[in-house]
Amino acid sequence: MVSSTPKEVFIQGITSQGRTFRPSDWAERLAGVMSSFRPGGATPGSHLSYSPWCVPTVIGGVKCVVVNSQLREHEPMAWDFVMNFARDNDLQVGEACLLPERRPTS
């Protein structure tokens, strides 16, 4: 059964006017700031990896940050921060659910 509730929000590095957002490492910077917000809270060394709730990626050649909806439930202020970042920078935001990659069948 497929859930109709989006599990992730995709912040795309494209403004509403279609321009590429700069600086080019914005997604990594945003995800780095969010690295301590993770299931179970921050632990020693957690700043050295991205949080599973806020991950930079490239989709269709566009830099994005995928923000898991669990961040909203566990860290509402962190959720507000990333959503306000997207709004303040006029970035396109979409709701969806990442699907696992299909593995070829033998």
N, C-alpha and C. Protein backbone atom coordinates (compact mmCIF):
# COMPACT_ATOMS: atom_id res chain seq x y z
N MET A 1 0.85 -1.18 0.00
CA MET A 1 0.00 0.00 0.00
C MET A 1 0.89 1.24 0.00
N VAL A 2 0.57 2.20 -0.80
CA VAL A 2 1.33 3.43 -0.90
C VAL A 2 0.62 4.50 -0.08
N SER A 3 1.40 5.18 0.78
CA SER A 3 0.85 6.25 1.60
C SER A 3 0.67 7.50 0.76
N SER A 4 -0.45 8.20 0.98
CA SER A 4 -0.69 9.45 0.26
C SER A 4 -0.03 10.63 0.97
N THR A 5 0.51 10.39 2.17
CA THR A 5 1.17 11.44 2.92
C THR A 5 2.61 11.56 2.48
N PRO A 6 3.02 12.75 2.03
CA PRO A 6 4.41 12.91 1.62
C PRO A 6 5.35 12.66 2.79
N LYS A 7 6.43 11.97 2.52
CA LYS A 7 7.42 11.67 3.55
C LYS A 7 8.57 12.65 3.52
N GLU A 8 8.79 13.29 2.39
CA GLU A 8 9.90 14.22 2.24
C GLU A 8 9.46 15.50 1.55
N VAL A 9 10.20 16.54 1.84
CA VAL A 9 10.06 17.81 1.15
C VAL A 9 11.36 18.02 0.39
N PHE A 10 11.26 18.37 -0.87
CA PHE A 10 12.43 18.59 -1.71
C PHE A 10 12.59 20.09 -1.92
N ILE A 11 13.69 20.63 -1.40
CA ILE A 11 14.03 22.02 -1.64
C ILE A 11 14.98 22.02 -2.82
N GLN A 12 14.54 22.61 -3.92
CA GLN A 12 15.32 22.59 -5.15
C GLN A 12 16.12 23.89 -5.29
N GLY A 13 17.30 23.77 -5.84
CA GLY A 13 18.17 24.91 -6.04
C GLY A 13 17.82 25.72 -7.26
N ILE A 14 16.52 25.91 -7.47
CA ILE A 14 15.99 26.71 -8.57
C ILE A 14 14.99 27.70 -7.97
N THR A 15 15.13 28.97 -8.31
CA THR A 15 14.19 29.96 -7.78
C THR A 15 12.87 29.86 -8.54
N SER A 16 11.87 30.55 -8.04
CA SER A 16 10.57 30.54 -8.73
C SER A 16 10.67 31.19 -10.11
N GLN A 17 11.72 31.97 -10.34
CA GLN A 17 11.96 32.59 -11.64
C GLN A 17 12.78 31.69 -12.57
N GLY A 18 13.14 30.49 -12.10
CA GLY A 18 13.89 29.54 -12.93
C GLY A 18 15.39 29.72 -12.89
N ARG A 19 15.90 30.57 -12.01
CA ARG A 19 17.35 30.79 -11.92
C ARG A 19 17.98 29.77 -10.97
N THR A 20 19.22 29.38 -11.29
CA THR A 20 19.97 28.49 -10.41
C THR A 20 20.41 29.26 -9.18
N PHE A 21 20.16 28.68 -8.01
CA PHE A 21 20.51 29.33 -6.75
C PHE A 21 22.01 29.23 -6.51
N ARG A 22 22.60 30.30 -6.03
CA ARG A 22 24.02 30.36 -5.70
C ARG A 22 24.17 30.70 -4.23
N PRO A 23 25.21 30.26 -3.56
CA PRO A 23 26.42 29.62 -4.08
C PRO A 23 26.15 28.17 -4.47
N SER A 24 27.07 27.63 -5.24
CA SER A 24 26.86 26.28 -5.78
C SER A 24 26.86 25.20 -4.70
N ASP A 25 27.42 25.48 -3.53
CA ASP A 25 27.44 24.48 -2.46
C ASP A 25 26.36 24.74 -1.39
N TRP A 26 25.30 25.43 -1.76
CA TRP A 26 24.26 25.78 -0.81
C TRP A 26 23.64 24.56 -0.15
N ALA A 27 23.43 23.48 -0.91
CA ALA A 27 22.77 22.29 -0.37
C ALA A 27 23.63 21.63 0.70
N GLU A 28 24.93 21.54 0.45
CA GLU A 28 25.83 20.94 1.42
C GLU A 28 25.93 21.81 2.67
N ARG A 29 25.92 23.12 2.49
CA ARG A 29 25.98 24.03 3.64
C ARG A 29 24.73 23.89 4.50
N LEU A 30 23.56 23.89 3.86
CA LEU A 30 22.31 23.77 4.62
C LEU A 30 22.25 22.43 5.36
N ALA A 31 22.58 21.35 4.67
CA ALA A 31 22.56 20.04 5.31
C ALA A 31 23.61 19.96 6.43
N GLY A 32 24.74 20.63 6.26
CA GLY A 32 25.76 20.65 7.30
C GLY A 32 25.27 21.35 8.57
N VAL A 33 24.56 22.46 8.39
CA VAL A 33 23.99 23.17 9.54
C VAL A 33 23.00 22.27 10.27
N MET A 34 22.29 21.44 9.54
CA MET A 34 21.26 20.58 10.11
C MET A 34 21.79 19.24 10.62
N SER A 35 23.09 19.00 10.54
CA SER A 35 23.65 17.68 10.84
C SER A 35 23.38 17.19 12.26
N SER A 36 23.23 18.08 13.21
CA SER A 36 23.01 17.63 14.59
C SER A 36 21.57 17.22 14.87
N PHE A 37 20.66 17.54 13.97
CA PHE A 37 19.27 17.17 14.15
C PHE A 37 19.05 15.80 13.51
N ARG A 38 18.96 14.79 14.36
CA ARG A 38 18.89 13.41 13.88
C ARG A 38 18.14 12.55 14.88
N PRO A 39 17.69 11.37 14.44
CA PRO A 39 17.02 10.46 15.39
C PRO A 39 17.95 10.18 16.57
N GLY A 40 17.42 10.30 17.77
CA GLY A 40 18.22 10.05 18.97
C GLY A 40 19.03 11.25 19.41
N GLY A 41 19.00 12.34 18.65
CA GLY A 41 19.73 13.54 19.01
C GLY A 41 21.18 13.50 18.60
N ALA A 42 21.85 14.60 18.83
CA ALA A 42 23.26 14.71 18.47
C ALA A 42 24.11 13.82 19.37
N THR A 43 25.14 13.25 18.78
CA THR A 43 26.10 12.43 19.50
C THR A 43 27.50 12.91 19.15
N PRO A 44 28.51 12.52 19.94
CA PRO A 44 29.87 12.94 19.57
C PRO A 44 30.20 12.49 18.15
N GLY A 45 30.64 13.43 17.35
CA GLY A 45 31.01 13.13 15.97
C GLY A 45 29.87 13.23 14.97
N SER A 46 28.63 13.49 15.44
CA SER A 46 27.51 13.54 14.50
C SER A 46 27.61 14.71 13.54
N HIS A 47 28.41 15.71 13.88
CA HIS A 47 28.59 16.85 12.98
C HIS A 47 29.43 16.46 11.76
N LEU A 48 29.98 15.26 11.76
CA LEU A 48 30.82 14.81 10.65
C LEU A 48 30.04 14.11 9.55
N SER A 49 28.74 13.96 9.74
CA SER A 49 27.91 13.33 8.70
C SER A 49 26.57 14.06 8.65
N TYR A 50 25.90 13.93 7.51
CA TYR A 50 24.60 14.57 7.36
C TYR A 50 23.55 13.82 8.17
N SER A 51 22.57 14.54 8.62
CA SER A 51 21.44 13.94 9.30
C SER A 51 20.60 13.18 8.28
N PRO A 52 20.04 12.03 8.64
CA PRO A 52 19.15 11.34 7.70
C PRO A 52 17.87 12.13 7.45
N TRP A 53 17.62 13.16 8.24
CA TRP A 53 16.44 13.99 8.06
C TRP A 53 16.66 15.17 7.13
N CYS A 54 17.92 15.41 6.70
CA CYS A 54 18.21 16.56 5.85
C CYS A 54 19.45 16.24 5.01
N VAL A 55 19.21 15.79 3.78
CA VAL A 55 20.28 15.23 2.95
C VAL A 55 20.41 15.99 1.63
N PRO A 56 21.62 16.44 1.30
CA PRO A 56 21.82 17.06 -0.01
C PRO A 56 21.89 15.99 -1.09
N THR A 57 21.39 16.32 -2.27
CA THR A 57 21.44 15.38 -3.38
C THR A 57 21.28 16.15 -4.69
N VAL A 58 21.38 15.44 -5.79
CA VAL A 58 21.14 16.03 -7.10
C VAL A 58 20.05 15.19 -7.76
N ILE A 59 19.00 15.84 -8.22
CA ILE A 59 17.90 15.15 -8.89
C ILE A 59 17.68 15.84 -10.23
N GLY A 60 17.83 15.08 -11.30
CA GLY A 60 17.64 15.64 -12.63
C GLY A 60 18.60 16.78 -12.93
N GLY A 61 19.80 16.72 -12.39
CA GLY A 61 20.79 17.76 -12.61
C GLY A 61 20.61 19.01 -11.76
N VAL A 62 19.66 18.98 -10.83
CA VAL A 62 19.38 20.12 -9.96
C VAL A 62 19.77 19.77 -8.53
N LYS A 63 20.57 20.62 -7.90
CA LYS A 63 20.91 20.42 -6.49
C LYS A 63 19.65 20.58 -5.66
N CYS A 64 19.50 19.68 -4.70
CA CYS A 64 18.33 19.67 -3.83
C CYS A 64 18.76 19.31 -2.41
N VAL A 65 17.89 19.62 -1.47
CA VAL A 65 18.00 19.09 -0.12
C VAL A 65 16.69 18.37 0.14
N VAL A 66 16.81 17.10 0.53
CA VAL A 66 15.64 16.31 0.87
C VAL A 66 15.46 16.36 2.38
N VAL A 67 14.32 16.89 2.81
CA VAL A 67 14.04 17.05 4.23
C VAL A 67 12.93 16.08 4.62
N ASN A 68 13.24 15.16 5.51
CA ASN A 68 12.27 14.16 5.94
C ASN A 68 11.26 14.79 6.88
N SER A 69 10.00 14.39 6.76
CA SER A 69 8.93 14.97 7.58
C SER A 69 9.10 14.66 9.06
N GLN A 70 9.91 13.68 9.41
CA GLN A 70 10.15 13.38 10.83
C GLN A 70 10.85 14.55 11.53
N LEU A 71 11.60 15.35 10.77
CA LEU A 71 12.24 16.52 11.37
C LEU A 71 11.18 17.44 11.97
N ARG A 72 10.07 17.61 11.29
CA ARG A 72 8.99 18.48 11.78
C ARG A 72 8.44 17.98 13.11
N GLU A 73 8.30 16.66 13.23
CA GLU A 73 7.75 16.07 14.44
C GLU A 73 8.70 16.18 15.63
N HIS A 74 10.00 15.97 15.38
CA HIS A 74 10.98 15.89 16.46
C HIS A 74 11.69 17.21 16.76
N GLU A 75 11.85 18.05 15.76
CA GLU A 75 12.57 19.33 15.92
C GLU A 75 11.83 20.43 15.14
N PRO A 76 10.69 20.90 15.65
CA PRO A 76 9.90 21.88 14.91
C PRO A 76 10.66 23.16 14.55
N MET A 77 11.55 23.62 15.42
CA MET A 77 12.29 24.85 15.12
C MET A 77 13.28 24.61 13.98
N ALA A 78 13.89 23.43 13.92
CA ALA A 78 14.80 23.10 12.82
C ALA A 78 14.01 23.01 11.51
N TRP A 79 12.81 22.42 11.57
CA TRP A 79 11.93 22.35 10.40
C TRP A 79 11.61 23.76 9.90
N ASP A 80 11.24 24.63 10.82
CA ASP A 80 10.93 26.02 10.45
C ASP A 80 12.15 26.69 9.82
N PHE A 81 13.32 26.42 10.33
CA PHE A 81 14.54 27.01 9.80
C PHE A 81 14.73 26.65 8.32
N VAL A 82 14.63 25.36 7.98
CA VAL A 82 14.86 24.96 6.58
C VAL A 82 13.74 25.46 5.68
N MET A 83 12.51 25.45 6.17
CA MET A 83 11.40 25.95 5.34
C MET A 83 11.51 27.47 5.13
N ASN A 84 11.94 28.18 6.17
CA ASN A 84 12.14 29.63 6.02
C ASN A 84 13.32 29.93 5.10
N PHE A 85 14.36 29.10 5.14
CA PHE A 85 15.48 29.25 4.22
C PHE A 85 14.98 29.17 2.78
N ALA A 86 14.17 28.17 2.51
CA ALA A 86 13.63 28.00 1.16
C ALA A 86 12.76 29.19 0.76
N ARG A 87 11.89 29.62 1.65
CA ARG A 87 11.01 30.75 1.35
C ARG A 87 11.80 32.04 1.17
N ASP A 88 12.73 32.31 2.08
CA ASP A 88 13.50 33.55 2.03
C ASP A 88 14.35 33.66 0.77
N ASN A 89 14.76 32.51 0.22
CA ASN A 89 15.59 32.50 -0.98
C ASN A 89 14.80 32.18 -2.24
N ASP A 90 13.47 32.15 -2.12
CA ASP A 90 12.57 31.96 -3.26
C ASP A 90 12.84 30.65 -3.99
N LEU A 91 13.15 29.59 -3.22
CA LEU A 91 13.46 28.30 -3.82
C LEU A 91 12.19 27.48 -4.01
N GLN A 92 12.19 26.66 -5.04
CA GLN A 92 11.05 25.79 -5.31
C GLN A 92 11.06 24.64 -4.30
N VAL A 93 9.89 24.33 -3.79
CA VAL A 93 9.72 23.27 -2.79
C VAL A 93 8.62 22.35 -3.27
N GLY A 94 8.88 21.05 -3.18
CA GLY A 94 7.86 20.06 -3.55
C GLY A 94 7.80 18.96 -2.53
N GLU A 95 6.62 18.39 -2.36
CA GLU A 95 6.44 17.27 -1.45
C GLU A 95 6.36 15.99 -2.25
N ALA A 96 7.00 14.96 -1.73
CA ALA A 96 6.99 13.66 -2.41
C ALA A 96 7.47 12.60 -1.44
N CYS A 97 7.67 11.45 -1.98
CA CYS A 97 8.22 10.34 -1.21
C CYS A 97 9.27 9.66 -2.06
N LEU A 98 10.50 9.60 -1.56
CA LEU A 98 11.55 8.90 -2.29
C LEU A 98 11.24 7.41 -2.30
N LEU A 99 11.38 6.81 -3.44
CA LEU A 99 11.19 5.38 -3.56
C LEU A 99 12.54 4.70 -3.63
N PRO A 100 12.66 3.52 -3.06
CA PRO A 100 13.94 2.82 -3.15
C PRO A 100 14.26 2.48 -4.60
N GLU A 101 15.55 2.44 -4.91
CA GLU A 101 15.96 2.10 -6.27
C GLU A 101 15.54 0.66 -6.59
N ARG A 102 15.09 0.48 -7.82
CA ARG A 102 14.72 -0.87 -8.26
C ARG A 102 15.98 -1.64 -8.59
N ARG A 103 16.01 -2.84 -8.11
CA ARG A 103 17.13 -3.71 -8.44
C ARG A 103 16.70 -4.61 -9.58
N PRO A 104 17.59 -4.80 -10.55
CA PRO A 104 17.22 -5.66 -11.67
C PRO A 104 16.96 -7.09 -11.20
N THR A 105 15.96 -7.69 -11.79
CA THR A 105 15.67 -9.07 -11.46
C THR A 105 16.46 -9.99 -12.36
N SER A 106 16.84 -11.10 -11.82
CA SER A 106 17.67 -12.05 -12.60
C SER A 106 16.82 -12.90 -13.49
